[in-house]
Amino acid sequence: MLNKINELLPTHNIITENSPELYVVDYTNINGGNVVLLNSKPIEGNVYIQNVNRVPIYFDGFDNNALEISTGIYSRQCECIIFPQQNTQTDWILAIETKYVNNLENAFKENFDYPNCMIDQIIQTVNYFRNKGIIDINRRVNAIVSFPTLIEDFSSTFFTGDLSIEDILINYKIRIRATNTAEIISNKRINI
């Protein structure tokens, strides 16, 4: 997978990490920065990934318009993908999409439609990688849709739109959860 990304998406900056605690932060709307993976807890809202077994991973944090379909035409995209360095066909892949909101009300405001937008960004990213041959068409992908600044639980109210968790798994082979955390168990297992 790494070789295909390097070949087909040569501008992507993939980093490696094996820290026991990982934090994904999207600084785009915070300070105009990028999506980053940190190994120490930032003050900003983040997606926390526990990695006590120190599984070595690759992180591809996407810049704006990172997934070009044709000249000037770009796919909608999530924030990043993460996968084990070993990366065999049976290892997990994790896609993450975040939205930074101030409260639960804003997170689910109908006119923002964040839940459906976030799900769509995950699906379009995975489809882009599949269409490019980076991810096998039948390979299951794990995904997190996250509101990193919310302390209260938002998972029970997230999937109320057109697609259920089951629909997304069956139709797109994406196992998706609304959460701010994940736990890497091994190259083969990740809990979301």
Protein backbone atom coordinates (compact mmCIF):
# COMPACT_ATOMS: atom_id res chain seq x y z
CA MET A 1 0.00 0.00 0.00
CA LEU A 2 2.82 2.41 0.85
CA ASN A 3 4.52 1.79 -2.50
CA LYS A 4 1.29 2.46 -4.38
CA ILE A 5 0.68 5.71 -2.48
CA ASN A 6 4.25 6.86 -3.17
CA GLU A 7 3.88 5.96 -6.85
CA LEU A 8 0.38 7.35 -7.48
CA LEU A 9 0.33 10.22 -4.97
CA PRO A 10 3.97 11.37 -4.85
CA THR A 11 3.20 14.69 -3.12
CA HIS A 12 1.83 12.95 -0.02
CA ASN A 13 4.09 13.14 3.03
CA ILE A 14 3.77 9.82 4.85
CA ILE A 15 5.27 9.56 8.31
CA THR A 16 5.99 6.56 10.52
CA GLU A 17 5.28 6.27 14.22
CA ASN A 18 5.10 3.61 16.93
CA SER A 19 4.40 5.60 20.10
CA PRO A 20 2.05 4.13 22.71
CA GLU A 21 -0.20 7.19 22.45
CA LEU A 22 -1.08 8.92 19.19
CA TYR A 23 -3.14 12.05 18.59
CA VAL A 24 -4.61 13.18 15.28
CA VAL A 25 -5.32 16.91 15.05
CA ASP A 26 -6.62 18.90 12.09
CA TYR A 27 -5.08 22.36 12.42
CA THR A 28 -6.62 23.60 9.14
CA ASN A 29 -9.39 25.66 10.78
CA ILE A 30 -7.51 26.19 14.05
CA ASN A 31 -4.43 28.01 12.74
CA GLY A 32 -4.29 27.33 9.01
CA GLY A 33 -2.02 24.35 9.54
CA ASN A 34 -2.23 20.74 8.43
CA VAL A 35 -3.57 17.43 9.65
CA VAL A 36 -0.89 16.02 11.94
CA LEU A 37 -0.11 12.95 14.01
CA LEU A 38 1.43 13.73 17.40
CA ASN A 39 2.89 11.48 20.08
CA SER A 40 2.21 13.88 22.95
CA LYS A 41 -1.20 15.20 23.96
CA PRO A 42 -1.98 18.57 22.38
CA ILE A 43 -4.20 21.23 23.95
CA GLU A 44 -6.45 21.15 20.87
CA GLY A 45 -9.24 18.65 20.42
CA ASN A 46 -7.98 15.42 18.89
CA VAL A 47 -8.69 11.83 17.99
CA TYR A 48 -6.80 9.71 20.53
CA ILE A 49 -5.34 6.39 19.40
CA GLN A 50 -3.98 4.06 22.06
CA ASN A 51 -1.09 1.92 20.80
CA VAL A 52 0.30 0.19 23.91
CA ASN A 53 1.83 -2.61 21.82
CA ARG A 54 3.72 0.04 19.84
CA VAL A 55 2.61 -1.28 16.47
CA PRO A 56 4.60 0.65 13.82
CA ILE A 57 2.19 2.57 11.60
CA TYR A 58 2.15 4.83 8.56
CA PHE A 59 0.18 8.09 8.67
CA ASP A 60 -0.92 9.96 5.55
CA GLY A 61 -2.39 13.31 6.63
CA PHE A 62 -4.10 14.91 3.66
CA ASP A 63 -3.49 18.49 2.57
CA ASN A 64 -6.40 20.33 0.95
CA ASN A 65 -7.21 18.93 -2.49
CA ALA A 66 -4.92 15.95 -1.96
CA LEU A 67 -6.92 13.50 -4.05
CA GLU A 68 -6.88 14.73 -7.63
CA ILE A 69 -9.27 13.02 -10.03
CA SER A 70 -8.17 15.04 -13.07
CA THR A 71 -6.53 18.44 -13.56
CA GLY A 72 -8.34 20.86 -11.26
CA ILE A 73 -10.95 18.28 -10.16
CA TYR A 74 -10.58 16.78 -6.69
CA SER A 75 -12.35 14.10 -4.70
CA ARG A 76 -13.94 14.96 -1.39
CA GLN A 77 -11.67 13.58 1.29
CA CYS A 78 -11.33 12.81 4.96
CA GLU A 79 -8.41 14.00 7.13
CA CYS A 80 -6.08 11.01 6.94
CA ILE A 81 -5.50 7.30 6.64
CA ILE A 82 -3.42 5.19 9.00
CA PHE A 83 -2.23 1.62 8.44
CA PRO A 84 0.39 -0.77 9.91
CA GLN A 85 3.88 -0.71 8.42
CA GLN A 86 3.73 -4.47 7.86
CA ASN A 87 0.61 -3.93 5.72
CA THR A 88 -0.55 -7.24 4.37
CA GLN A 89 -3.99 -7.73 2.80
CA THR A 90 -5.39 -8.83 6.17
CA ASP A 91 -4.11 -5.85 8.19
CA TRP A 92 -6.46 -3.02 9.19
CA ILE A 93 -6.72 0.39 7.54
CA LEU A 94 -8.18 3.37 9.42
CA ALA A 95 -9.67 6.50 7.81
CA ILE A 96 -10.49 9.49 10.04
CA GLU A 97 -12.77 12.47 9.43
CA THR A 98 -13.15 15.27 12.00
CA LYS A 99 -15.31 18.35 12.45
CA TYR A 100 -14.48 20.89 15.14
CA VAL A 101 -17.68 22.23 16.72
CA ASN A 102 -18.37 24.05 19.98
CA ASN A 103 -21.35 22.05 21.16
CA LEU A 104 -23.62 19.11 20.44
CA GLU A 105 -26.31 21.39 18.99
CA ASN A 106 -23.94 22.72 16.30
CA ALA A 107 -22.68 19.21 15.56
CA PHE A 108 -26.16 18.09 14.54
CA LYS A 109 -27.60 21.33 13.12
CA GLU A 110 -29.65 20.38 10.09
CA ASN A 111 -28.29 23.09 7.82
CA PHE A 112 -24.67 21.99 8.48
CA ASP A 113 -25.51 18.30 7.91
CA TYR A 114 -22.15 17.31 9.41
CA PRO A 115 -22.91 13.62 9.98
CA ASN A 116 -23.85 12.95 6.35
CA CYS A 117 -21.01 15.15 5.05
CA MET A 118 -18.49 13.29 7.21
CA ILE A 119 -19.75 9.88 6.13
CA ASP A 120 -19.63 10.99 2.49
CA GLN A 121 -16.04 12.23 2.89
CA ILE A 122 -14.99 8.84 4.28
CA ILE A 123 -16.77 6.94 1.49
CA GLN A 124 -15.32 9.15 -1.25
CA THR A 125 -11.79 8.84 0.16
CA VAL A 126 -12.01 5.05 0.34
CA ASN A 127 -13.53 4.88 -3.15
CA TYR A 128 -10.72 7.08 -4.50
CA PHE A 129 -8.08 4.76 -3.01
CA ARG A 130 -9.92 1.72 -4.39
CA ASN A 131 -10.30 3.23 -7.86
CA LYS A 132 -6.55 3.95 -7.90
CA GLY A 133 -5.79 0.34 -6.88
CA ILE A 134 -4.22 1.45 -3.58
CA ILE A 135 -6.84 -0.40 -1.52
CA ASP A 136 -8.24 -3.67 -2.84
CA ILE A 137 -11.88 -3.39 -3.91
CA ASN A 138 -13.00 -6.10 -1.44
CA ARG A 139 -10.83 -5.07 1.51
CA ARG A 140 -12.67 -3.80 4.57
CA VAL A 141 -11.65 -0.36 5.83
CA ASN A 142 -12.23 0.94 9.37
CA ALA A 143 -13.32 4.55 9.77
CA ILE A 144 -13.87 7.09 12.51
CA VAL A 145 -16.10 10.15 12.23
CA SER A 146 -15.20 12.43 15.10
CA PHE A 147 -16.11 15.66 16.86
CA PRO A 148 -12.81 16.08 18.78
CA THR A 149 -13.93 19.12 20.79
CA LEU A 150 -17.03 17.44 22.22
CA ILE A 151 -16.76 15.87 25.63
CA GLU A 152 -20.28 14.45 25.69
CA ASP A 153 -21.08 11.26 23.82
CA PHE A 154 -22.37 11.84 20.30
CA SER A 155 -22.28 8.29 18.91
CA SER A 156 -25.91 7.36 19.59
CA THR A 157 -27.29 10.26 17.56
CA PHE A 158 -24.80 10.21 14.69
CA PHE A 159 -26.22 7.67 12.24
CA THR A 160 -29.72 9.04 11.76
CA GLY A 161 -29.43 9.92 8.06
CA ASP A 162 -29.82 7.97 4.87
CA LEU A 163 -27.14 5.35 5.62
CA SER A 164 -26.94 3.15 8.71
CA ILE A 165 -23.73 1.61 10.04
CA GLU A 166 -24.86 -1.68 8.51
CA ASP A 167 -25.58 -0.10 5.10
CA ILE A 168 -22.11 1.43 4.99
CA LEU A 169 -20.48 -1.90 5.88
CA ILE A 170 -22.51 -3.90 3.36
CA ASN A 171 -22.47 -1.41 0.48
CA TYR A 172 -18.99 0.08 0.88
CA LYS A 173 -17.07 -2.44 3.02
CA ILE A 174 -16.37 0.33 5.54
CA ARG A 175 -16.75 -0.38 9.26
CA ILE A 176 -17.52 3.09 10.59
CA ARG A 177 -17.98 4.43 14.14
CA ALA A 178 -18.68 7.84 15.63
CA THR A 179 -16.02 8.23 18.33
CA ASN A 180 -12.99 10.25 19.40
CA THR A 181 -10.86 7.21 20.26
CA ALA A 182 -9.39 4.02 18.83
CA GLU A 183 -7.12 1.28 20.13
CA ILE A 184 -4.50 -0.46 18.02
CA ILE A 185 -4.17 -4.06 19.25
CA SER A 186 -1.90 -5.50 16.53
CA ASN A 187 -1.29 -5.37 12.79
CA LYS A 188 -4.47 -7.39 12.38
CA ARG A 189 -6.75 -5.79 14.98
CA ILE A 190 -7.94 -2.29 15.79
CA ASN A 191 -10.83 -1.39 18.11
CA ILE A 192 -12.97 1.56 17.15
